[in-house]
Amino acid sequence: MSAKPKHRQAIVAAAVRLFRRQGFAATGLAQIVEASGAPKGSLYHYFPAGKAAIGEAAVLAAGETVSATIAGLPTGERPGDFLREYGRMMGGWLRASGFRDGSPIASVVLEQAAGDDAIAAAARAVYDAWRAAMAARLMAGGLGEEAASRIALLAITNLEGSLILARADRSEAPVLAAAEALASLADSARQTP
């Protein structure tokens, strides 16, 4: 197998890290190339449409990682246990980054989705996948499909917002508080046999 796929993957992974930390607009192509370790020509080979195409690929790649993380979390005895664990995981990740990292896709979506149909479509697909993965975890914990879907949507909107507050406060407390509030809601919506 040639090294070209490796370079594409390295470019996307570097873009995800840089966009998460400093935003889409503040990240230059030269930074992506340097952080990826890929030859500059490979960036133009895989992304001839430029930075927006890298943004789309980064949104999709980061989205897949988060979806897999959500799907892999344990359900627990109560529906909300999954959300509590997800909140603890997110809080730990933020703390470990010194509160420099944010959502893996929010900066790209906020900065580019209004003017770029491909990025907007990628973001919709990612958020739909997150919602489905969260709803599945909540249903596995005893929620009905409608309640699980509704709470999953609330979880995405609240947890994404809590990441912004956590970065501003330099504390995981907003993430943990949002996760606990969502978990309590999920626990109270559990179907009784």
N, C-alpha and C. Protein backbone atom coordinates (compact mmCIF):
# COMPACT_ATOMS: atom_id res chain seq x y z
N MET A 1 0.85 -1.19 0.00
CA MET A 1 0.00 0.00 0.00
C MET A 1 0.88 1.24 0.00
N SER A 2 0.55 2.21 -0.80
CA SER A 2 1.34 3.43 -0.88
C SER A 2 1.13 4.30 0.36
N ALA A 3 2.00 5.28 0.51
CA ALA A 3 1.92 6.18 1.67
C ALA A 3 0.87 7.26 1.48
N LYS A 4 0.30 7.39 0.27
CA LYS A 4 -0.64 8.47 0.01
C LYS A 4 -1.86 8.45 0.94
N PRO A 5 -2.53 7.30 1.13
CA PRO A 5 -3.66 7.32 2.08
C PRO A 5 -3.23 7.76 3.48
N LYS A 6 -2.05 7.36 3.88
CA LYS A 6 -1.52 7.76 5.18
C LYS A 6 -1.40 9.28 5.26
N HIS A 7 -0.94 9.89 4.18
CA HIS A 7 -0.80 11.34 4.18
C HIS A 7 -2.16 12.03 4.25
N ARG A 8 -3.14 11.50 3.55
CA ARG A 8 -4.49 12.09 3.62
C ARG A 8 -5.01 12.00 5.04
N GLN A 9 -4.88 10.84 5.65
CA GLN A 9 -5.34 10.65 7.02
C GLN A 9 -4.59 11.57 7.99
N ALA A 10 -3.29 11.71 7.79
CA ALA A 10 -2.49 12.59 8.65
C ALA A 10 -2.92 14.05 8.50
N ILE A 11 -3.22 14.45 7.29
CA ILE A 11 -3.67 15.83 7.04
C ILE A 11 -5.00 16.08 7.75
N VAL A 12 -5.93 15.16 7.61
CA VAL A 12 -7.25 15.32 8.24
C VAL A 12 -7.11 15.31 9.77
N ALA A 13 -6.32 14.40 10.29
CA ALA A 13 -6.14 14.33 11.75
C ALA A 13 -5.51 15.62 12.28
N ALA A 14 -4.53 16.15 11.57
CA ALA A 14 -3.90 17.42 11.99
C ALA A 14 -4.91 18.56 11.93
N ALA A 15 -5.73 18.58 10.87
CA ALA A 15 -6.75 19.63 10.75
C ALA A 15 -7.76 19.54 11.89
N VAL A 16 -8.18 18.34 12.24
CA VAL A 16 -9.12 18.18 13.36
C VAL A 16 -8.52 18.78 14.63
N ARG A 17 -7.27 18.43 14.93
CA ARG A 17 -6.62 18.94 16.15
C ARG A 17 -6.50 20.46 16.12
N LEU A 18 -6.07 21.00 15.01
CA LEU A 18 -5.88 22.45 14.91
C LEU A 18 -7.20 23.21 14.94
N PHE A 19 -8.21 22.73 14.22
CA PHE A 19 -9.51 23.40 14.22
C PHE A 19 -10.13 23.35 15.60
N ARG A 20 -9.98 22.23 16.30
CA ARG A 20 -10.53 22.07 17.64
C ARG A 20 -9.88 23.06 18.61
N ARG A 21 -8.60 23.30 18.43
CA ARG A 21 -7.86 24.15 19.36
C ARG A 21 -7.93 25.62 19.01
N GLN A 22 -7.82 25.97 17.74
CA GLN A 22 -7.70 27.39 17.41
C GLN A 22 -8.75 27.90 16.42
N GLY A 23 -9.61 27.03 15.93
CA GLY A 23 -10.65 27.44 15.01
C GLY A 23 -10.24 27.26 13.56
N PHE A 24 -11.24 27.31 12.71
CA PHE A 24 -11.03 27.11 11.27
C PHE A 24 -10.28 28.29 10.66
N ALA A 25 -10.79 29.50 10.87
CA ALA A 25 -10.21 30.69 10.22
C ALA A 25 -8.77 30.94 10.66
N ALA A 26 -8.46 30.64 11.90
CA ALA A 26 -7.12 30.91 12.43
C ALA A 26 -6.10 29.85 12.04
N THR A 27 -6.53 28.80 11.39
CA THR A 27 -5.63 27.72 10.99
C THR A 27 -5.26 27.85 9.52
N GLY A 28 -3.98 27.94 9.26
CA GLY A 28 -3.51 28.06 7.88
C GLY A 28 -3.13 26.71 7.29
N LEU A 29 -3.12 26.67 5.98
CA LEU A 29 -2.74 25.43 5.30
C LEU A 29 -1.31 25.01 5.65
N ALA A 30 -0.41 25.97 5.78
CA ALA A 30 0.97 25.65 6.14
C ALA A 30 1.03 24.98 7.52
N GLN A 31 0.20 25.44 8.45
CA GLN A 31 0.16 24.81 9.77
C GLN A 31 -0.32 23.37 9.67
N ILE A 32 -1.34 23.14 8.85
CA ILE A 32 -1.87 21.79 8.69
C ILE A 32 -0.80 20.88 8.11
N VAL A 33 -0.10 21.35 7.09
CA VAL A 33 0.96 20.55 6.48
C VAL A 33 2.04 20.24 7.51
N GLU A 34 2.47 21.27 8.24
CA GLU A 34 3.53 21.07 9.24
C GLU A 34 3.09 20.09 10.33
N ALA A 35 1.88 20.27 10.85
CA ALA A 35 1.40 19.39 11.92
C ALA A 35 1.17 17.96 11.44
N SER A 36 0.86 17.80 10.16
CA SER A 36 0.59 16.46 9.63
C SER A 36 1.86 15.70 9.31
N GLY A 37 2.93 16.42 9.02
CA GLY A 37 4.16 15.77 8.59
C GLY A 37 4.10 15.29 7.14
N ALA A 38 3.04 15.63 6.45
CA ALA A 38 2.86 15.22 5.06
C ALA A 38 3.56 16.20 4.12
N PRO A 39 3.98 15.72 2.98
CA PRO A 39 4.54 16.65 1.99
C PRO A 39 3.47 17.64 1.53
N LYS A 40 3.88 18.87 1.27
CA LYS A 40 2.92 19.92 0.90
C LYS A 40 2.11 19.52 -0.33
N GLY A 41 2.73 18.85 -1.27
CA GLY A 41 2.04 18.45 -2.48
C GLY A 41 0.88 17.49 -2.22
N SER A 42 0.98 16.70 -1.16
CA SER A 42 -0.10 15.76 -0.86
C SER A 42 -1.37 16.50 -0.42
N LEU A 43 -1.21 17.65 0.21
CA LEU A 43 -2.37 18.45 0.60
C LEU A 43 -3.16 18.86 -0.63
N TYR A 44 -2.46 19.32 -1.66
CA TYR A 44 -3.13 19.76 -2.88
C TYR A 44 -3.62 18.57 -3.71
N HIS A 45 -2.93 17.44 -3.58
CA HIS A 45 -3.37 16.24 -4.29
C HIS A 45 -4.71 15.74 -3.74
N TYR A 46 -4.82 15.65 -2.44
CA TYR A 46 -6.04 15.12 -1.82
C TYR A 46 -7.14 16.15 -1.65
N PHE A 47 -6.77 17.40 -1.58
CA PHE A 47 -7.75 18.46 -1.34
C PHE A 47 -7.56 19.59 -2.36
N PRO A 48 -7.79 19.30 -3.64
CA PRO A 48 -7.59 20.34 -4.65
C PRO A 48 -8.55 21.52 -4.49
N ALA A 49 -9.67 21.30 -3.79
CA ALA A 49 -10.62 22.40 -3.56
C ALA A 49 -10.17 23.28 -2.40
N GLY A 50 -9.08 22.91 -1.74
CA GLY A 50 -8.52 23.77 -0.70
C GLY A 50 -9.01 23.50 0.70
N LYS A 51 -8.91 24.53 1.50
CA LYS A 51 -9.16 24.43 2.93
C LYS A 51 -10.59 24.00 3.25
N ALA A 52 -11.56 24.45 2.48
CA ALA A 52 -12.95 24.06 2.75
C ALA A 52 -13.12 22.55 2.63
N ALA A 53 -12.46 21.93 1.68
CA ALA A 53 -12.54 20.47 1.53
C ALA A 53 -11.88 19.78 2.73
N ILE A 54 -10.82 20.36 3.23
CA ILE A 54 -10.19 19.81 4.44
C ILE A 54 -11.15 19.97 5.61
N GLY A 55 -11.82 21.11 5.68
CA GLY A 55 -12.81 21.33 6.75
C GLY A 55 -13.91 20.30 6.72
N GLU A 56 -14.43 20.01 5.52
CA GLU A 56 -15.48 18.99 5.39
C GLU A 56 -14.96 17.63 5.85
N ALA A 57 -13.77 17.26 5.40
CA ALA A 57 -13.19 15.97 5.79
C ALA A 57 -12.95 15.91 7.30
N ALA A 58 -12.52 17.02 7.88
CA ALA A 58 -12.26 17.07 9.32
C ALA A 58 -13.56 16.92 10.11
N VAL A 59 -14.62 17.56 9.67
CA VAL A 59 -15.92 17.43 10.33
C VAL A 59 -16.36 15.97 10.31
N LEU A 60 -16.28 15.34 9.15
CA LEU A 60 -16.71 13.94 9.04
C LEU A 60 -15.84 13.00 9.88
N ALA A 61 -14.53 13.21 9.86
CA ALA A 61 -13.63 12.35 10.63
C ALA A 61 -13.85 12.50 12.13
N ALA A 62 -13.93 13.75 12.58
CA ALA A 62 -14.16 13.98 14.01
C ALA A 62 -15.52 13.44 14.42
N GLY A 63 -16.50 13.61 13.56
CA GLY A 63 -17.84 13.09 13.85
C GLY A 63 -17.85 11.59 14.01
N GLU A 64 -17.12 10.88 13.16
CA GLU A 64 -17.04 9.42 13.27
C GLU A 64 -16.40 9.00 14.59
N THR A 65 -15.37 9.72 14.99
CA THR A 65 -14.69 9.40 16.25
C THR A 65 -15.64 9.57 17.43
N VAL A 66 -16.37 10.68 17.45
CA VAL A 66 -17.30 10.92 18.55
C VAL A 66 -18.44 9.90 18.52
N SER A 67 -18.96 9.59 17.35
CA SER A 67 -20.04 8.59 17.26
C SER A 67 -19.58 7.25 17.81
N ALA A 68 -18.36 6.84 17.46
CA ALA A 68 -17.83 5.58 17.97
C ALA A 68 -17.63 5.63 19.48
N THR A 69 -17.20 6.77 19.99
CA THR A 69 -17.03 6.93 21.44
C THR A 69 -18.37 6.80 22.14
N ILE A 70 -19.38 7.47 21.63
CA ILE A 70 -20.73 7.41 22.22
C ILE A 70 -21.24 5.98 22.20
N ALA A 71 -21.10 5.32 21.06
CA ALA A 71 -21.61 3.94 20.92
C ALA A 71 -20.88 2.98 21.85
N GLY A 72 -19.65 3.29 22.19
CA GLY A 72 -18.87 2.40 23.04
C GLY A 72 -19.02 2.61 24.53
N LEU A 73 -19.70 3.67 24.93
CA LEU A 73 -19.87 3.94 26.35
C LEU A 73 -20.87 2.96 26.97
N PRO A 74 -20.63 2.56 28.21
CA PRO A 74 -21.57 1.64 28.86
C PRO A 74 -22.90 2.32 29.15
N THR A 75 -23.95 1.51 29.16
CA THR A 75 -25.29 2.04 29.41
C THR A 75 -25.51 2.30 30.89
N GLY A 76 -25.18 1.40 31.75
CA GLY A 76 -25.42 1.56 33.18
C GLY A 76 -26.80 1.10 33.58
N GLU A 77 -27.11 1.24 34.85
CA GLU A 77 -28.40 0.79 35.38
C GLU A 77 -29.53 1.76 35.07
N ARG A 78 -29.20 3.04 34.94
CA ARG A 78 -30.20 4.06 34.63
C ARG A 78 -29.88 4.67 33.27
N PRO A 79 -30.89 5.17 32.56
CA PRO A 79 -30.62 5.77 31.25
C PRO A 79 -29.58 6.89 31.32
N GLY A 80 -29.62 7.67 32.40
CA GLY A 80 -28.73 8.80 32.53
C GLY A 80 -27.29 8.45 32.84
N ASP A 81 -27.02 7.19 33.21
CA ASP A 81 -25.65 6.81 33.53
C ASP A 81 -24.71 7.00 32.35
N PHE A 82 -25.19 6.73 31.16
CA PHE A 82 -24.39 6.93 29.96
C PHE A 82 -24.02 8.41 29.81
N LEU A 83 -24.98 9.31 30.06
CA LEU A 83 -24.71 10.74 29.92
C LEU A 83 -23.75 11.23 31.00
N ARG A 84 -23.87 10.70 32.19
CA ARG A 84 -22.93 11.07 33.25
C ARG A 84 -21.51 10.66 32.88
N GLU A 85 -21.37 9.45 32.36
CA GLU A 85 -20.06 8.97 31.95
C GLU A 85 -19.50 9.80 30.79
N TYR A 86 -20.34 10.13 29.85
CA TYR A 86 -19.91 10.95 28.72
C TYR A 86 -19.45 12.33 29.22
N GLY A 87 -20.18 12.92 30.15
CA GLY A 87 -19.79 14.20 30.73
C GLY A 87 -18.46 14.12 31.45
N ARG A 88 -18.26 13.05 32.23
CA ARG A 88 -16.97 12.87 32.92
C ARG A 88 -15.82 12.73 31.93
N MET A 89 -16.08 11.98 30.86
CA MET A 89 -15.05 11.79 29.84
C MET A 89 -14.72 13.13 29.17
N MET A 90 -15.75 13.89 28.80
CA MET A 90 -15.52 15.19 28.16
C MET A 90 -14.79 16.15 29.10
N GLY A 91 -15.20 16.16 30.37
CA GLY A 91 -14.55 17.03 31.34
C GLY A 91 -13.08 16.68 31.51
N GLY A 92 -12.78 15.39 31.56
CA GLY A 92 -11.39 14.95 31.69
C GLY A 92 -10.56 15.33 30.48
N TRP A 93 -11.16 15.19 29.31
CA TRP A 93 -10.48 15.56 28.07
C TRP A 93 -10.18 17.06 28.04
N LEU A 94 -11.14 17.87 28.46
CA LEU A 94 -10.92 19.32 28.50
C LEU A 94 -9.81 19.69 29.49
N ARG A 95 -9.89 19.09 30.67
CA ARG A 95 -8.89 19.36 31.70
C ARG A 95 -7.50 18.98 31.19
N ALA A 96 -7.39 17.82 30.56
CA ALA A 96 -6.09 17.35 30.05
C ALA A 96 -5.52 18.29 28.99
N SER A 97 -6.38 18.98 28.25
CA SER A 97 -5.91 19.91 27.23
C SER A 97 -5.62 21.30 27.80
N GLY A 98 -5.81 21.47 29.10
CA GLY A 98 -5.65 22.79 29.68
C GLY A 98 -6.76 23.73 29.24
N PHE A 99 -7.90 23.16 28.87
CA PHE A 99 -9.08 23.91 28.40
C PHE A 99 -8.80 24.67 27.11
N ARG A 100 -7.84 24.16 26.32
CA ARG A 100 -7.53 24.75 25.03
C ARG A 100 -8.34 24.12 23.91
N ASP A 101 -8.75 22.87 24.08
CA ASP A 101 -9.50 22.18 23.04
C ASP A 101 -10.99 22.43 23.21
N GLY A 102 -11.69 22.45 22.10
CA GLY A 102 -13.14 22.61 22.13
C GLY A 102 -13.80 21.47 21.38
N SER A 103 -14.99 21.72 20.91
CA SER A 103 -15.71 20.72 20.13
C SER A 103 -14.90 20.38 18.88
N PRO A 104 -14.88 19.12 18.51
CA PRO A 104 -14.10 18.76 17.33
C PRO A 104 -14.68 19.26 16.01
N ILE A 105 -15.93 19.75 16.01
CA ILE A 105 -16.49 20.26 14.75
C ILE A 105 -17.10 21.65 14.86
N ALA A 106 -17.36 22.14 16.05
CA ALA A 106 -18.11 23.39 16.21
C ALA A 106 -17.47 24.58 15.51
N SER A 107 -16.15 24.73 15.61
CA SER A 107 -15.55 25.92 15.00
C SER A 107 -15.72 25.90 13.49
N VAL A 108 -15.57 24.75 12.87
CA VAL A 108 -15.73 24.67 11.42
C VAL A 108 -17.18 24.98 11.05
N VAL A 109 -18.11 24.41 11.80
CA VAL A 109 -19.53 24.62 11.50
C VAL A 109 -19.91 26.09 11.71
N LEU A 110 -19.51 26.66 12.83
CA LEU A 110 -19.86 28.05 13.12
C LEU A 110 -19.25 29.01 12.11
N GLU A 111 -18.03 28.74 11.68
CA GLU A 111 -17.34 29.66 10.80
C GLU A 111 -17.66 29.45 9.33
N GLN A 112 -18.08 28.24 8.93
CA GLN A 112 -18.16 27.94 7.51
C GLN A 112 -19.50 27.42 7.00
N ALA A 113 -20.33 26.82 7.83
CA ALA A 113 -21.52 26.13 7.34
C ALA A 113 -22.51 27.05 6.61
N ALA A 114 -22.62 28.29 7.03
CA ALA A 114 -23.57 29.19 6.38
C ALA A 114 -23.22 29.46 4.93
N GLY A 115 -21.95 29.40 4.59
CA GLY A 115 -21.54 29.70 3.22
C GLY A 115 -21.01 28.51 2.45
N ASP A 116 -21.01 27.34 3.04
CA ASP A 116 -20.44 26.17 2.36
C ASP A 116 -21.40 25.00 2.50
N ASP A 117 -22.07 24.65 1.40
CA ASP A 117 -23.07 23.59 1.44
C ASP A 117 -22.49 22.23 1.83
N ALA A 118 -21.27 21.95 1.39
CA ALA A 118 -20.66 20.65 1.71
C ALA A 118 -20.37 20.54 3.20
N ILE A 119 -19.87 21.59 3.80
CA ILE A 119 -19.61 21.57 5.25
C ILE A 119 -20.93 21.50 6.01
N ALA A 120 -21.93 22.22 5.57
CA ALA A 120 -23.25 22.16 6.22
C ALA A 120 -23.82 20.74 6.15
N ALA A 121 -23.70 20.11 5.00
CA ALA A 121 -24.22 18.73 4.85
C ALA A 121 -23.43 17.77 5.72
N ALA A 122 -22.12 17.94 5.79
CA ALA A 122 -21.30 17.08 6.66
C ALA A 122 -21.70 17.26 8.12
N ALA A 123 -21.92 18.49 8.53
CA ALA A 123 -22.32 18.76 9.91
C ALA A 123 -23.68 18.13 10.22
N ARG A 124 -24.63 18.25 9.30
CA ARG A 124 -25.94 17.62 9.51
C ARG A 124 -25.79 16.12 9.68
N ALA A 125 -24.98 15.52 8.82
CA ALA A 125 -24.77 14.06 8.90
C ALA A 125 -24.14 13.67 10.23
N VAL A 126 -23.16 14.45 10.66
CA VAL A 126 -22.49 14.16 11.93
C VAL A 126 -23.45 14.30 13.11
N TYR A 127 -24.17 15.41 13.16
CA TYR A 127 -25.08 15.60 14.28
C TYR A 127 -26.21 14.57 14.26
N ASP A 128 -26.66 14.16 13.09
CA ASP A 128 -27.66 13.08 13.02
C ASP A 128 -27.09 11.77 13.55
N ALA A 129 -25.84 11.49 13.21
CA ALA A 129 -25.20 10.26 13.71
C ALA A 129 -25.02 10.31 15.22
N TRP A 130 -24.62 11.47 15.75
CA TRP A 130 -24.48 11.60 17.21
C TRP A 130 -25.82 11.40 17.88
N ARG A 131 -26.86 12.00 17.30
CA ARG A 131 -28.19 11.87 17.89
C ARG A 131 -28.64 10.41 17.89
N ALA A 132 -28.41 9.71 16.79
CA ALA A 132 -28.79 8.30 16.71
C ALA A 132 -28.00 7.46 17.71
N ALA A 133 -26.70 7.72 17.83
CA ALA A 133 -25.87 6.96 18.77
C ALA A 133 -26.30 7.21 20.21
N MET A 134 -26.58 8.48 20.53
CA MET A 134 -27.03 8.80 21.89
C MET A 134 -28.40 8.19 22.17
N ALA A 135 -29.31 8.29 21.21
CA ALA A 135 -30.64 7.72 21.40
C ALA A 135 -30.55 6.21 21.61
N ALA A 136 -29.67 5.55 20.88
CA ALA A 136 -29.50 4.10 21.06
C ALA A 136 -29.02 3.77 22.46
N ARG A 137 -28.07 4.55 22.99
CA ARG A 137 -27.57 4.32 24.35
C ARG A 137 -28.70 4.55 25.36
N LEU A 138 -29.48 5.60 25.14
CA LEU A 138 -30.58 5.91 26.06
C LEU A 138 -31.67 4.85 26.00
N MET A 139 -31.97 4.34 24.81
CA MET A 139 -32.97 3.27 24.69
C MET A 139 -32.47 1.99 25.35
N ALA A 140 -31.18 1.74 25.22
CA ALA A 140 -30.60 0.57 25.89
C ALA A 140 -30.72 0.69 27.41
N GLY A 141 -30.80 1.93 27.90
CA GLY A 141 -30.97 2.17 29.33
C GLY A 141 -32.42 2.21 29.77
N GLY A 142 -33.34 2.01 28.85
CA GLY A 142 -34.75 1.91 29.23
C GLY A 142 -35.67 3.00 28.75
N LEU A 143 -35.18 3.94 27.94
CA LEU A 143 -36.06 4.99 27.43
C LEU A 143 -36.77 4.52 26.17
N GLY A 144 -37.96 5.05 25.95
CA GLY A 144 -38.65 4.81 24.70
C GLY A 144 -38.01 5.60 23.59
N GLU A 145 -38.32 5.25 22.35
CA GLU A 145 -37.67 5.87 21.20
C GLU A 145 -37.89 7.38 21.13
N GLU A 146 -39.10 7.84 21.35
CA GLU A 146 -39.38 9.27 21.26
C GLU A 146 -38.63 10.06 22.33
N ALA A 147 -38.70 9.59 23.56
CA ALA A 147 -37.99 10.27 24.65
C ALA A 147 -36.48 10.25 24.41
N ALA A 148 -35.97 9.12 23.97
CA ALA A 148 -34.53 8.99 23.72
C ALA A 148 -34.07 9.96 22.63
N SER A 149 -34.85 10.07 21.56
CA SER A 149 -34.50 10.97 20.47
C SER A 149 -34.54 12.43 20.93
N ARG A 150 -35.55 12.78 21.69
CA ARG A 150 -35.69 14.15 22.19
C ARG A 150 -34.54 14.50 23.15
N ILE A 151 -34.23 13.59 24.06
CA ILE A 151 -33.16 13.86 25.03
C ILE A 151 -31.79 13.85 24.34
N ALA A 152 -31.63 13.01 23.33
CA ALA A 152 -30.37 13.00 22.59
C ALA A 152 -30.13 14.36 21.91
N LEU A 153 -31.18 14.94 21.34
CA LEU A 153 -31.04 16.27 20.74
C LEU A 153 -30.68 17.31 21.80
N LEU A 154 -31.35 17.26 22.93
CA LEU A 154 -31.02 18.17 24.03
C LEU A 154 -29.58 17.97 24.49
N ALA A 155 -29.16 16.72 24.54
CA ALA A 155 -27.79 16.43 24.99
C ALA A 155 -26.77 17.04 24.05
N ILE A 156 -26.98 16.90 22.76
CA ILE A 156 -26.02 17.47 21.81
C ILE A 156 -25.96 18.99 21.96
N THR A 157 -27.10 19.64 21.97
CA THR A 157 -27.10 21.10 22.05
C THR A 157 -26.52 21.58 23.38
N ASN A 158 -26.88 20.93 24.46
CA ASN A 158 -26.40 21.37 25.77
C ASN A 158 -24.92 21.05 25.97
N LEU A 159 -24.49 19.88 25.59
CA LEU A 159 -23.09 19.52 25.80
C LEU A 159 -22.17 20.32 24.89
N GLU A 160 -22.58 20.56 23.65
CA GLU A 160 -21.76 21.41 22.78
C GLU A 160 -21.63 22.81 23.38
N GLY A 161 -22.72 23.36 23.88
CA GLY A 161 -22.67 24.67 24.52
C GLY A 161 -21.84 24.66 25.79
N SER A 162 -21.90 23.57 26.53
CA SER A 162 -21.14 23.49 27.78
C SER A 162 -19.64 23.50 27.53
N LEU A 163 -19.22 23.02 26.37
CA LEU A 163 -17.79 23.06 26.03
C LEU A 163 -17.30 24.50 25.92
N ILE A 164 -18.13 25.37 25.38
CA ILE A 164 -17.76 26.78 25.26
C ILE A 164 -17.61 27.40 26.66
N LEU A 165 -18.60 27.15 27.52
CA LEU A 165 -18.53 27.68 28.88
C LEU A 165 -17.34 27.12 29.64
N ALA A 166 -17.06 25.84 29.45
CA ALA A 166 -15.93 25.22 30.15
C ALA A 166 -14.61 25.86 29.74
N ARG A 167 -14.48 26.17 28.47
CA ARG A 167 -13.25 26.82 28.01
C ARG A 167 -13.14 28.22 28.60
N ALA A 168 -14.26 28.94 28.64
CA ALA A 168 -14.24 30.30 29.21
C ALA A 168 -13.94 30.27 30.71
N ASP A 169 -14.56 29.33 31.42
CA ASP A 169 -14.37 29.21 32.86
C ASP A 169 -13.07 28.51 33.24
N ARG A 170 -12.47 27.82 32.28
CA ARG A 170 -11.30 26.96 32.54
C ARG A 170 -11.64 25.96 33.65
N SER A 171 -12.79 25.35 33.46
CA SER A 171 -13.30 24.37 34.42
C SER A 171 -14.21 23.40 33.70
N GLU A 172 -14.16 22.14 34.12
CA GLU A 172 -15.08 21.16 33.54
C GLU A 172 -16.46 21.22 34.17
N ALA A 173 -16.66 22.08 35.16
CA ALA A 173 -17.93 22.17 35.87
C ALA A 173 -19.13 22.38 34.94
N PRO A 174 -19.08 23.25 33.93
CA PRO A 174 -20.26 23.39 33.05
C PRO A 174 -20.61 22.09 32.32
N VAL A 175 -19.62 21.34 31.91
CA VAL A 175 -19.87 20.07 31.21
C VAL A 175 -20.50 19.07 32.18
N LEU A 176 -19.95 18.98 33.36
CA LEU A 176 -20.48 18.03 34.35
C LEU A 176 -21.90 18.42 34.77
N ALA A 177 -22.16 19.71 34.92
CA ALA A 177 -23.50 20.16 35.30
C ALA A 177 -24.50 19.88 34.19
N ALA A 178 -24.13 20.14 32.94
CA ALA A 178 -25.03 19.85 31.82
C ALA A 178 -25.30 18.36 31.73
N ALA A 179 -24.26 17.55 31.86
CA ALA A 179 -24.43 16.10 31.78
C ALA A 179 -25.33 15.59 32.90
N GLU A 180 -25.17 16.12 34.10
CA GLU A 180 -26.01 15.69 35.23
C GLU A 180 -27.46 16.10 35.03
N ALA A 181 -27.70 17.31 34.55
CA ALA A 181 -29.07 17.75 34.30
C ALA A 181 -29.73 16.88 33.24
N LEU A 182 -29.01 16.58 32.18
CA LEU A 182 -29.53 15.72 31.12
C LEU A 182 -29.76 14.29 31.63
N ALA A 183 -28.84 13.81 32.44
CA ALA A 183 -28.96 12.46 33.00
C ALA A 183 -30.19 12.36 33.91
N SER A 184 -30.41 13.38 34.71
CA SER A 184 -31.58 13.39 35.58
C SER A 184 -32.87 13.38 34.77
N LEU A 185 -32.88 14.15 33.69
CA LEU A 185 -34.05 14.16 32.79
C LEU A 185 -34.26 12.78 32.19
N ALA A 186 -33.19 12.15 31.73
CA ALA A 186 -33.30 10.81 31.16
C ALA A 186 -33.79 9.80 32.18
N ASP A 187 -33.26 9.89 33.39
CA ASP A 187 -33.68 8.97 34.44
C ASP A 187 -35.17 9.12 34.75
N SER A 188 -35.63 10.36 34.76
CA SER A 188 -37.05 10.59 35.09
C SER A 188 -37.98 10.19 33.95
N ALA A 189 -37.46 10.09 32.73
CA ALA A 189 -38.28 9.72 31.57
C ALA A 189 -38.30 8.21 31.32
N ARG A 190 -37.59 7.46 32.14
CA ARG A 190 -37.50 6.01 31.95
C ARG A 190 -38.87 5.36 32.00
N GLN A 191 -39.09 4.46 31.08
CA GLN A 191 -40.36 3.73 31.07
C GLN A 191 -40.36 2.71 32.20
N THR A 192 -41.49 2.61 32.86
CA THR A 192 -41.60 1.60 33.91
C THR A 192 -42.30 0.39 33.33
N PRO A 193 -41.85 -0.81 33.70
CA PRO A 193 -42.44 -2.03 33.14
C PRO A 193 -43.87 -2.24 33.60
